[in-house]
C-alpha atoms as a PDB file:
ATOM      1  CA  MET A   1    -136.351  13.624-161.352  1.00  0.00           C
ATOM      2  CA  ASN A   2    -137.455  17.014-162.609  1.00  0.00           C
ATOM      3  CA  GLU A   3    -138.578  20.459-161.514  1.00  0.00           C
ATOM      4  CA  ALA A   4    -142.095  19.257-160.730  1.00  0.00           C
ATOM      5  CA  LYS A   5    -140.533  16.995-158.088  1.00  0.00           C
ATOM      6  CA  GLY A   6    -138.488  19.777-156.502  1.00  0.00           C
ATOM      7  CA  LEU A   7    -135.305  19.587-158.579  1.00  0.00           C
ATOM      8  CA  VAL A   8    -133.754  22.356-160.667  1.00  0.00           C
ATOM      9  CA  PRO A   9    -130.426  22.575-162.547  1.00  0.00           C
ATOM     10  CA  GLY A  10    -127.525  22.815-160.099  1.00  0.00           C
ATOM     11  CA  TYR A  11    -124.465  23.587-162.188  1.00  0.00           C
ATOM     12  CA  PRO A  12    -121.359  25.262-160.668  1.00  0.00           C
ATOM     13  CA  GLN A  13    -121.590  29.037-160.339  1.00  0.00           C
ATOM     14  CA  SER A  14    -118.505  29.489-162.523  1.00  0.00           C
ATOM     15  CA  MET A  15    -120.289  27.692-165.375  1.00  0.00           C
ATOM     16  CA  LEU A  16    -123.468  29.735-164.964  1.00  0.00           C
ATOM     17  CA  ASP A  17    -121.554  33.030-164.848  1.00  0.00           C
ATOM     18  CA  ILE A  18    -119.541  32.267-167.960  1.00  0.00           C
ATOM     19  CA  LEU A  19    -122.405  30.798-170.010  1.00  0.00           C
ATOM     20  CA  GLY A  20    -124.722  33.671-169.035  1.00  0.00           C
ATOM     21  CA  LYS A  21    -127.618  34.168-166.660  1.00  0.00           C
ATOM     22  CA  CYS A  22    -130.148  33.411-169.426  1.00  0.00           C
ATOM     23  CA  ASN A  23    -128.681  30.088-170.535  1.00  0.00           C
ATOM     24  CA  ILE A  24    -131.004  27.116-170.190  1.00  0.00           C
ATOM     25  CA  ALA A  25    -128.988  25.589-167.319  1.00  0.00           C
ATOM     26  CA  ALA A  26    -129.340  28.748-165.207  1.00  0.00           C
ATOM     27  CA  VAL A  27    -133.107  29.295-165.394  1.00  0.00           C
ATOM     28  CA  HIS A  28    -136.158  27.315-164.335  1.00  0.00           C
ATOM     29  CA  GLY A  29    -139.918  27.586-164.266  1.00  0.00           C
ATOM     30  CA  SER A  30    -141.618  29.492-167.077  1.00  0.00           C
ATOM     31  CA  THR A  31    -138.324  31.025-168.224  1.00  0.00           C
ATOM     32  CA  HIS A  32    -136.799  27.564-168.632  1.00  0.00           C
ATOM     33  CA  LYS A  33    -139.795  26.459-170.695  1.00  0.00           C
ATOM     34  CA  GLN A  34    -139.387  29.518-172.921  1.00  0.00           C
ATOM     35  CA  MET A  35    -135.655  28.915-173.460  1.00  0.00           C
ATOM     36  CA  ARG A  36    -136.261  25.216-174.095  1.00  0.00           C
ATOM     37  CA  GLY A  37    -139.013  25.990-176.591  1.00  0.00           C
ATOM     38  CA  ALA A  38    -136.796  28.453-178.446  1.00  0.00           C
ATOM     39  CA  LEU A  39    -133.995  25.887-178.718  1.00  0.00           C
ATOM     40  CA  LEU A  40    -136.325  23.076-179.820  1.00  0.00           C
ATOM     41  CA  ALA A  41    -137.633  25.338-182.601  1.00  0.00           C
ATOM     42  CA  LEU A  42    -134.122  25.223-184.063  1.00  0.00           C
ATOM     43  CA  LEU A  43    -134.308  21.429-184.357  1.00  0.00           C
ATOM     44  CA  SER A  44    -137.710  20.888-185.947  1.00  0.00           C
ATOM     45  CA  PRO A  45    -137.828  18.222-188.698  1.00  0.00           C
ATOM     46  CA  SER A  46    -138.284  20.862-191.403  1.00  0.00           C
ATOM     47  CA  MET A  47    -135.388  22.938-190.036  1.00  0.00           C
ATOM     48  CA  ILE A  48    -133.094  19.907-190.001  1.00  0.00           C
ATOM     49  CA  ARG A  49    -134.184  18.680-193.438  1.00  0.00           C
ATOM     50  CA  ASP A  50    -134.235  21.988-195.314  1.00  0.00           C
ATOM     51  CA  HIS A  51    -131.490  24.007-193.627  1.00  0.00           C
ATOM     52  CA  LEU A  52    -129.246  22.281-191.080  1.00  0.00           C
ATOM     53  CA  LEU A  53    -128.416  19.128-193.061  1.00  0.00           C
ATOM     54  CA  PRO A  54    -127.551  20.945-196.341  1.00  0.00           C
ATOM     55  CA  ARG A  55    -125.426  23.444-194.409  1.00  0.00           C
ATOM     56  CA  ILE A  56    -123.551  20.673-192.579  1.00  0.00           C
ATOM     57  CA  ASP A  57    -122.931  18.844-195.860  1.00  0.00           C
ATOM     58  CA  GLN A  58    -121.541  21.960-197.520  1.00  0.00           C
ATOM     59  CA  PHE A  59    -119.356  22.840-194.543  1.00  0.00           C
ATOM     60  CA  MET A  60    -117.917  19.339-194.098  1.00  0.00           C
ATOM     61  CA  ARG A  61    -117.044  18.990-197.786  1.00  0.00           C
ATOM     62  CA  SER A  62    -115.085  22.229-197.639  1.00  0.00           C
ATOM     63  CA  HIS A  63    -113.518  21.609-194.233  1.00  0.00           C
ATOM     64  CA  LEU A  64    -112.397  18.021-194.805  1.00  0.00           C
ATOM     65  CA  SER A  65    -110.855  18.907-198.170  1.00  0.00           C
ATOM     66  CA  ASN A  66    -108.217  20.831-196.203  1.00  0.00           C
ATOM     67  CA  TRP A  67    -107.058  17.572-194.587  1.00  0.00           C
ATOM     68  CA  ASP A  68    -106.087  15.891-197.872  1.00  0.00           C
ATOM     69  CA  GLU A  69    -102.562  14.411-197.873  1.00  0.00           C
ATOM     70  CA  LYS A  70    -101.739  15.905-194.475  1.00  0.00           C
ATOM     71  CA  VAL A  71    -100.691  14.419-191.165  1.00  0.00           C
ATOM     72  CA  ILE A  72    -103.110  15.865-188.628  1.00  0.00           C
ATOM     73  CA  ASP A  73    -103.654  15.859-184.870  1.00  0.00           C
ATOM     74  CA  ILE A  74    -107.124  14.325-184.819  1.00  0.00           C
ATOM     75  CA  GLN A  75    -107.872  15.578-181.301  1.00  0.00           C
ATOM     76  CA  GLU A  76    -107.154  19.201-182.200  1.00  0.00           C
ATOM     77  CA  LYS A  77    -108.805  18.979-185.605  1.00  0.00           C
ATOM     78  CA  THR A  78    -112.052  17.501-184.299  1.00  0.00           C
ATOM     79  CA  LYS A  79    -112.267  20.296-181.706  1.00  0.00           C
ATOM     80  CA  GLU A  80    -111.788  22.873-184.427  1.00  0.00           C
ATOM     81  CA  MET A  81    -114.279  21.094-186.690  1.00  0.00           C
ATOM     82  CA  ALA A  82    -116.956  20.893-183.972  1.00  0.00           C
ATOM     83  CA  LEU A  83    -116.713  24.597-183.149  1.00  0.00           C
ATOM     84  CA  LEU A  84    -116.578  25.849-186.738  1.00  0.00           C
ATOM     85  CA  SER A  85    -119.477  23.611-187.771  1.00  0.00           C
ATOM     86  CA  SER A  86    -121.643  24.935-184.913  1.00  0.00           C
ATOM     87  CA  LEU A  87    -120.613  28.514-185.635  1.00  0.00           C
ATOM     88  CA  ASN A  88    -121.554  28.001-189.274  1.00  0.00           C
ATOM     89  CA  GLN A  89    -125.008  26.744-188.256  1.00  0.00           C
ATOM     90  CA  ILE A  90    -125.515  29.782-186.020  1.00  0.00           C
ATOM     91  CA  ALA A  91    -123.950  32.635-187.956  1.00  0.00           C
ATOM     92  CA  GLY A  92    -124.156  31.394-191.538  1.00  0.00           C
ATOM     93  CA  LYS A  93    -122.099  33.364-194.023  1.00  0.00           C
ATOM     94  CA  GLU A  94    -120.727  35.688-191.323  1.00  0.00           C
ATOM     95  CA  SER A  95    -119.062  32.741-189.563  1.00  0.00           C
ATOM     96  CA  THR A  96    -116.133  32.712-192.002  1.00  0.00           C
ATOM     97  CA  SER A  97    -115.069  36.281-191.292  1.00  0.00           C
ATOM     98  CA  MET A  98    -115.380  35.979-187.498  1.00  0.00           C
ATOM     99  CA  SER A  99    -114.062  32.438-186.932  1.00  0.00           C
ATOM    100  CA  GLN A 100    -110.352  33.203-186.497  1.00  0.00           C
ATOM    101  CA  GLN A 101    -111.071  35.860-183.882  1.00  0.00           C
ATOM    102  CA  PHE A 102    -113.801  33.792-182.234  1.00  0.00           C
ATOM    103  CA  MET A 103    -111.978  30.468-181.810  1.00  0.00           C
ATOM    104  CA  PRO A 104    -109.232  31.439-179.333  1.00  0.00           C
ATOM    105  CA  GLU A 105    -111.710  33.298-177.132  1.00  0.00           C
ATOM    106  CA  PHE A 106    -114.096  30.343-177.142  1.00  0.00           C
ATOM    107  CA  PHE A 107    -111.348  27.879-176.211  1.00  0.00           C
ATOM    108  CA  LYS A 108    -110.468  30.108-173.232  1.00  0.00           C
ATOM    109  CA  LEU A 109    -114.125  30.211-172.194  1.00  0.00           C
ATOM    110  CA  VAL A 110    -114.452  26.410-172.262  1.00  0.00           C
ATOM    111  CA  LEU A 111    -111.431  25.948-170.010  1.00  0.00           C
ATOM    112  CA  GLY A 112    -112.854  28.337-167.432  1.00  0.00           C
ATOM    113  CA  THR A 113    -116.333  26.914-166.943  1.00  0.00           C
ATOM    114  CA  LEU A 114    -115.260  24.591-164.107  1.00  0.00           C
ATOM    115  CA  SER A 115    -112.745  26.899-162.409  1.00  0.00           C
ATOM    116  CA  LEU A 116    -113.206  28.485-158.990  1.00  0.00           C
ATOM    117  CA  PRO A 117    -115.328  31.665-159.386  1.00  0.00           C
ATOM    118  CA  ILE A 118    -112.648  34.061-158.136  1.00  0.00           C
ATOM    119  CA  ASN A 119    -112.578  37.072-160.437  1.00  0.00           C
ATOM    120  CA  LEU A 120    -109.051  38.339-159.746  1.00  0.00           C
ATOM    121  CA  PRO A 121    -106.357  39.099-162.341  1.00  0.00           C
ATOM    122  CA  GLY A 122    -104.239  36.026-162.980  1.00  0.00           C
ATOM    123  CA  THR A 123    -106.913  33.466-162.084  1.00  0.00           C
ATOM    124  CA  ASN A 124    -108.388  31.069-164.622  1.00  0.00           C
ATOM    125  CA  TYR A 125    -111.850  32.419-163.923  1.00  0.00           C
ATOM    126  CA  HIS A 126    -110.809  36.016-164.614  1.00  0.00           C
ATOM    127  CA  GLY A 127    -109.261  35.074-167.958  1.00  0.00           C
ATOM    128  CA  ARG A 128    -112.290  33.055-169.005  1.00  0.00           C
ATOM    129  CA  PHE A 129    -114.657  35.800-167.878  1.00  0.00           C
ATOM    130  CA  GLN A 130    -112.779  38.237-170.118  1.00  0.00           C
ATOM    131  CA  ALA A 131    -113.110  35.733-172.962  1.00  0.00           C
ATOM    132  CA  ARG A 132    -116.884  35.718-172.452  1.00  0.00           C
ATOM    133  CA  LYS A 133    -116.967  39.516-172.657  1.00  0.00           C
ATOM    134  CA  ASN A 134    -115.077  39.394-175.952  1.00  0.00           C
ATOM    135  CA  ILE A 135    -117.418  36.717-177.325  1.00  0.00           C
ATOM    136  CA  VAL A 136    -120.497  38.693-176.265  1.00  0.00           C
ATOM    137  CA  ASN A 137    -119.098  41.784-178.018  1.00  0.00           C
ATOM    138  CA  MET A 138    -118.635  39.803-181.243  1.00  0.00           C
ATOM    139  CA  LEU A 139    -122.139  38.354-181.060  1.00  0.00           C
ATOM    140  CA  GLU A 140    -123.634  41.771-180.292  1.00  0.00           C
ATOM    141  CA  ARG A 141    -121.981  43.163-183.427  1.00  0.00           C
ATOM    142  CA  LEU A 142    -123.363  40.216-185.380  1.00  0.00           C
ATOM    143  CA  LEU A 143    -126.877  40.918-184.087  1.00  0.00           C
ATOM    144  CA  GLU A 144    -126.633  44.624-184.859  1.00  0.00           C
ATOM    145  CA  GLY A 145    -125.374  43.863-188.351  1.00  0.00           C
ATOM    146  CA  ARG A 146    -128.317  41.552-189.011  1.00  0.00           C
ATOM    147  CA  LYS A 147    -130.789  44.141-187.741  1.00  0.00           C
ATOM    148  CA  GLY A 148    -129.173  46.892-189.797  1.00  0.00           C
ATOM    149  CA  SER A 149    -129.267  44.892-193.021  1.00  0.00           C
ATOM    150  CA  GLY A 150    -132.916  43.917-192.605  1.00  0.00           C
ATOM    151  CA  GLU A 151    -132.073  40.598-194.249  1.00  0.00           C
ATOM    152  CA  THR A 152    -133.510  37.375-192.805  1.00  0.00           C
ATOM    153  CA  GLN A 153    -131.200  34.375-193.039  1.00  0.00           C
ATOM    154  CA  CYS A 154    -132.133  30.716-192.657  1.00  0.00           C
ATOM    155  CA  ASP A 155    -129.638  29.878-189.927  1.00  0.00           C
ATOM    156  CA  MET A 156    -130.109  29.433-186.183  1.00  0.00           C
ATOM    157  CA  LEU A 157    -129.587  33.096-185.412  1.00  0.00           C
ATOM    158  CA  GLY A 158    -132.082  34.029-188.106  1.00  0.00           C
ATOM    159  CA  VAL A 159    -134.725  31.771-186.553  1.00  0.00           C
ATOM    160  CA  LEU A 160    -134.109  33.113-183.036  1.00  0.00           C
ATOM    161  CA  MET A 161    -134.420  36.684-184.303  1.00  0.00           C
ATOM    162  CA  ASN A 162    -137.467  36.061-186.477  1.00  0.00           C
ATOM    163  CA  GLY A 163    -140.622  36.283-184.367  1.00  0.00           C
ATOM    164  CA  GLU A 164    -142.729  34.973-187.251  1.00  0.00           C
ATOM    165  CA  GLU A 165    -140.842  31.670-187.352  1.00  0.00           C
ATOM    166  CA  ASN A 166    -140.158  31.431-183.614  1.00  0.00           C
ATOM    167  CA  ARG A 167    -143.034  32.295-181.291  1.00  0.00           C
ATOM    168  CA  TYR A 168    -140.622  32.619-178.375  1.00  0.00           C
ATOM    169  CA  ASN A 169    -139.667  36.280-178.608  1.00  0.00           C
ATOM    170  CA  LEU A 170    -136.245  36.539-176.976  1.00  0.00           C
ATOM    171  CA  SER A 171    -134.281  39.626-176.004  1.00  0.00           C
ATOM    172  CA  ASP A 172    -130.815  40.215-177.462  1.00  0.00           C
ATOM    173  CA  GLU A 173    -129.241  39.059-174.192  1.00  0.00           C
ATOM    174  CA  GLU A 174    -131.276  35.856-174.233  1.00  0.00           C
ATOM    175  CA  ILE A 175    -130.385  35.182-177.879  1.00  0.00           C
ATOM    176  CA  ILE A 176    -126.677  35.659-177.171  1.00  0.00           C
ATOM    177  CA  ASP A 177    -126.765  33.331-174.171  1.00  0.00           C
ATOM    178  CA  GLN A 178    -128.582  30.680-176.220  1.00  0.00           C
ATOM    179  CA  MET A 179    -125.956  30.934-178.966  1.00  0.00           C
ATOM    180  CA  ILE A 180    -123.163  30.485-176.419  1.00  0.00           C
ATOM    181  CA  THR A 181    -125.061  27.553-174.880  1.00  0.00           C
ATOM    182  CA  ILE A 182    -125.422  25.841-178.277  1.00  0.00           C
ATOM    183  CA  LEU A 183    -121.734  26.289-179.037  1.00  0.00           C
ATOM    184  CA  TYR A 184    -120.624  25.107-175.604  1.00  0.00           C
ATOM    185  CA  SER A 185    -122.960  22.120-175.286  1.00  0.00           C
ATOM    186  CA  GLY A 186    -122.027  20.690-178.679  1.00  0.00           C
ATOM    187  CA  TYR A 187    -118.313  21.425-178.606  1.00  0.00           C
ATOM    188  CA  GLU A 188    -116.938  18.788-176.212  1.00  0.00           C
ATOM    189  CA  THR A 189    -119.511  16.117-177.055  1.00  0.00           C
ATOM    190  CA  VAL A 190    -119.196  16.330-180.847  1.00  0.00           C
ATOM    191  CA  SER A 191    -115.409  16.693-180.877  1.00  0.00           C
ATOM    192  CA  THR A 192    -114.855  13.793-178.457  1.00  0.00           C
ATOM    193  CA  THR A 193    -117.351  11.507-180.206  1.00  0.00           C
ATOM    194  CA  SER A 194    -115.793  12.288-183.604  1.00  0.00           C
ATOM    195  CA  MET A 195    -112.271  11.643-182.329  1.00  0.00           C
ATOM    196  CA  MET A 196    -113.213   8.365-180.650  1.00  0.00           C
ATOM    197  CA  ALA A 197    -115.153   7.223-183.733  1.00  0.00           C
ATOM    198  CA  VAL A 198    -111.932   7.520-185.746  1.00  0.00           C
ATOM    199  CA  LYS A 199    -110.078   5.545-183.069  1.00  0.00           C
ATOM    200  CA  TYR A 200    -112.672   2.762-182.865  1.00  0.00           C
ATOM    201  CA  LEU A 201    -112.973   2.476-186.648  1.00  0.00           C
ATOM    202  CA  HIS A 202    -109.193   2.168-186.871  1.00  0.00           C
ATOM    203  CA  ASP A 203    -109.283  -0.613-184.277  1.00  0.00           C
ATOM    204  CA  HIS A 204    -112.124  -2.448-186.058  1.00  0.00           C
ATOM    205  CA  PRO A 205    -111.411  -2.513-189.825  1.00  0.00           C
ATOM    206  CA  ASP A 206    -114.396  -4.785-190.493  1.00  0.00           C
ATOM    207  CA  VAL A 207    -116.713  -2.098-189.110  1.00  0.00           C
ATOM    208  CA  LEU A 208    -114.934   0.546-191.174  1.00  0.00           C
ATOM    209  CA  GLN A 209    -115.392  -1.571-194.306  1.00  0.00           C
ATOM    210  CA  GLU A 210    -119.134  -1.951-193.653  1.00  0.00           C
ATOM    211  CA  LEU A 211    -119.453   1.786-192.988  1.00  0.00           C
ATOM    212  CA  ARG A 212    -117.675   2.645-196.237  1.00  0.00           C
ATOM    213  CA  LYS A 213    -119.890   0.188-198.114  1.00  0.00           C
ATOM    214  CA  GLU A 214    -123.048   1.906-196.848  1.00  0.00           C
ATOM    215  CA  HIS A 215    -121.772   5.352-197.810  1.00  0.00           C
ATOM    216  CA  LEU A 216    -120.472   4.297-201.217  1.00  0.00           C
ATOM    217  CA  GLU A 217    -123.810   2.696-202.088  1.00  0.00           C
ATOM    218  CA  ILE A 218    -125.496   6.038-201.436  1.00  0.00           C
ATOM    219  CA  ARG A 219    -122.804   7.951-203.313  1.00  0.00           C
ATOM    220  CA  GLU A 220    -123.106   5.712-206.380  1.00  0.00           C
ATOM    221  CA  ARG A 221    -126.703   6.882-206.820  1.00  0.00           C
ATOM    222  CA  LYS A 222    -125.630  10.530-206.898  1.00  0.00           C
ATOM    223  CA  ARG A 223    -123.378  12.814-208.886  1.00  0.00           C
ATOM    224  CA  PRO A 224    -120.139  13.912-207.146  1.00  0.00           C
ATOM    225  CA  GLU A 225    -121.463  17.421-206.560  1.00  0.00           C
ATOM    226  CA  ASP A 226    -124.862  16.289-205.225  1.00  0.00           C
ATOM    227  CA  PRO A 227    -125.289  16.947-201.482  1.00  0.00           C
ATOM    228  CA  ILE A 228    -126.437  14.483-198.860  1.00  0.00           C
ATOM    229  CA  GLU A 229    -130.213  14.785-198.531  1.00  0.00           C
ATOM    230  CA  TRP A 230    -132.777  13.796-195.918  1.00  0.00           C
ATOM    231  CA  ASN A 231    -133.604  10.486-197.642  1.00  0.00           C
ATOM    232  CA  ASP A 232    -129.892   9.644-197.790  1.00  0.00           C
ATOM    233  CA  PHE A 233    -129.598  10.365-194.085  1.00  0.00           C
ATOM    234  CA  LYS A 234    -132.480   8.005-193.320  1.00  0.00           C
ATOM    235  CA  ALA A 235    -130.769   5.295-195.404  1.00  0.00           C
ATOM    236  CA  MET A 236    -127.772   5.086-193.039  1.00  0.00           C
ATOM    237  CA  PRO A 237    -128.794   2.579-190.326  1.00  0.00           C
ATOM    238  CA  PHE A 238    -125.265   1.233-189.902  1.00  0.00           C
ATOM    239  CA  THR A 239    -123.842   4.746-189.615  1.00  0.00           C
ATOM    240  CA  ARG A 240    -126.330   5.536-186.863  1.00  0.00           C
ATOM    241  CA  ALA A 241    -125.371   2.312-185.085  1.00  0.00           C
ATOM    242  CA  VAL A 242    -121.692   3.336-185.199  1.00  0.00           C
ATOM    243  CA  ILE A 243    -122.532   6.768-183.776  1.00  0.00           C
ATOM    244  CA  PHE A 244    -124.682   5.318-180.986  1.00  0.00           C
ATOM    245  CA  GLU A 245    -122.073   2.720-180.040  1.00  0.00           C
ATOM    246  CA  THR A 246    -119.310   5.328-180.028  1.00  0.00           C
ATOM    247  CA  SER A 247    -121.432   7.547-177.786  1.00  0.00           C
ATOM    248  CA  ARG A 248    -122.051   4.607-175.446  1.00  0.00           C
ATOM    249  CA  LEU A 249    -118.386   3.676-175.165  1.00  0.00           C
ATOM    250  CA  ALA A 250    -116.942   7.187-175.058  1.00  0.00           C
ATOM    251  CA  THR A 251    -119.541   9.236-173.222  1.00  0.00           C
ATOM    252  CA  ILE A 252    -118.200  12.345-171.499  1.00  0.00           C
ATOM    253  CA  VAL A 253    -121.489  13.230-169.803  1.00  0.00           C
ATOM    254  CA  ASN A 254    -121.655  11.099-166.666  1.00  0.00           C
ATOM    255  CA  GLY A 255    -124.649  12.823-165.106  1.00  0.00           C
ATOM    256  CA  VAL A 256    -126.733  15.969-164.838  1.00  0.00           C
ATOM    257  CA  LEU A 257    -126.292  18.195-161.787  1.00  0.00           C
ATOM    258  CA  ARG A 258    -129.442  19.022-159.818  1.00  0.00           C
ATOM    259  CA  LYS A 259    -130.268  20.855-156.598  1.00  0.00           C
ATOM    260  CA  THR A 260    -133.405  20.607-154.485  1.00  0.00           C
ATOM    261  CA  THR A 261    -135.900  23.386-153.867  1.00  0.00           C
ATOM    262  CA  GLN A 262    -137.569  21.532-150.997  1.00  0.00           C
ATOM    263  CA  ASP A 263    -136.950  18.681-148.565  1.00  0.00           C
ATOM    264  CA  MET A 264    -137.002  15.338-150.345  1.00  0.00           C
ATOM    265  CA  GLU A 265    -136.957  11.650-149.538  1.00  0.00           C
ATOM    266  CA  LEU A 266    -134.188   9.565-151.083  1.00  0.00           C
ATOM    267  CA  ASN A 267    -134.435   5.783-150.830  1.00  0.00           C
ATOM    268  CA  GLY A 268    -137.098   6.185-148.154  1.00  0.00           C
ATOM    269  CA  GLU A 269    -135.003   8.484-145.945  1.00  0.00           C
END
């Protein structure tokens, strides 16, 4: 069921307005192919192996160290972790300085994506629309700062801006909408999956023991300061099984909205 068969994305207007007119859910045809190609370029095997995985390892070591000997609200902490990790992948070293200002605006934006699109003061949509404006302003300043420095960084924003690495030349508006799309699409899914993984592992100590065994075997071959590498990642079959099973049991994506561009038959009618 795809565009070739007369179906295009059919998300609520409030979601499209808040995520931006250039986000991948709002476009179709050749523009959709261009946006999709630009996003897939961020997830090439070499990009994951050489840049994304080392950056995730470094971020998680630092972030999780702040949880030591503390009682935490796992639901709130996994939401924070998911957003900050994605922001780190996108904005690199600038993410630290902008995170405290960015987080509250992003949380407002997420809450408004499924509200009625009535842009009047006091409505949820109005507040979330203002949050989008604030986020866009922050990302525009980030883009201008990168252009002014002339420095190319090996993060997602750097790849989107670098025409030599990414053959899909995007405008600033398109880049900003793709960054918001990446942050939004990964936020709820990663945070919920992480939270439920903790819950399921708590309920099944035998699985937790097997998971720890797999990780400790990898860690024993490395020095404490050595990062997780691509070969280590490939040597985690049980970890992948835990992730897949958690995603199966705790999925929050029940379907993909579509609308028709032409009359169609459904079940022969």
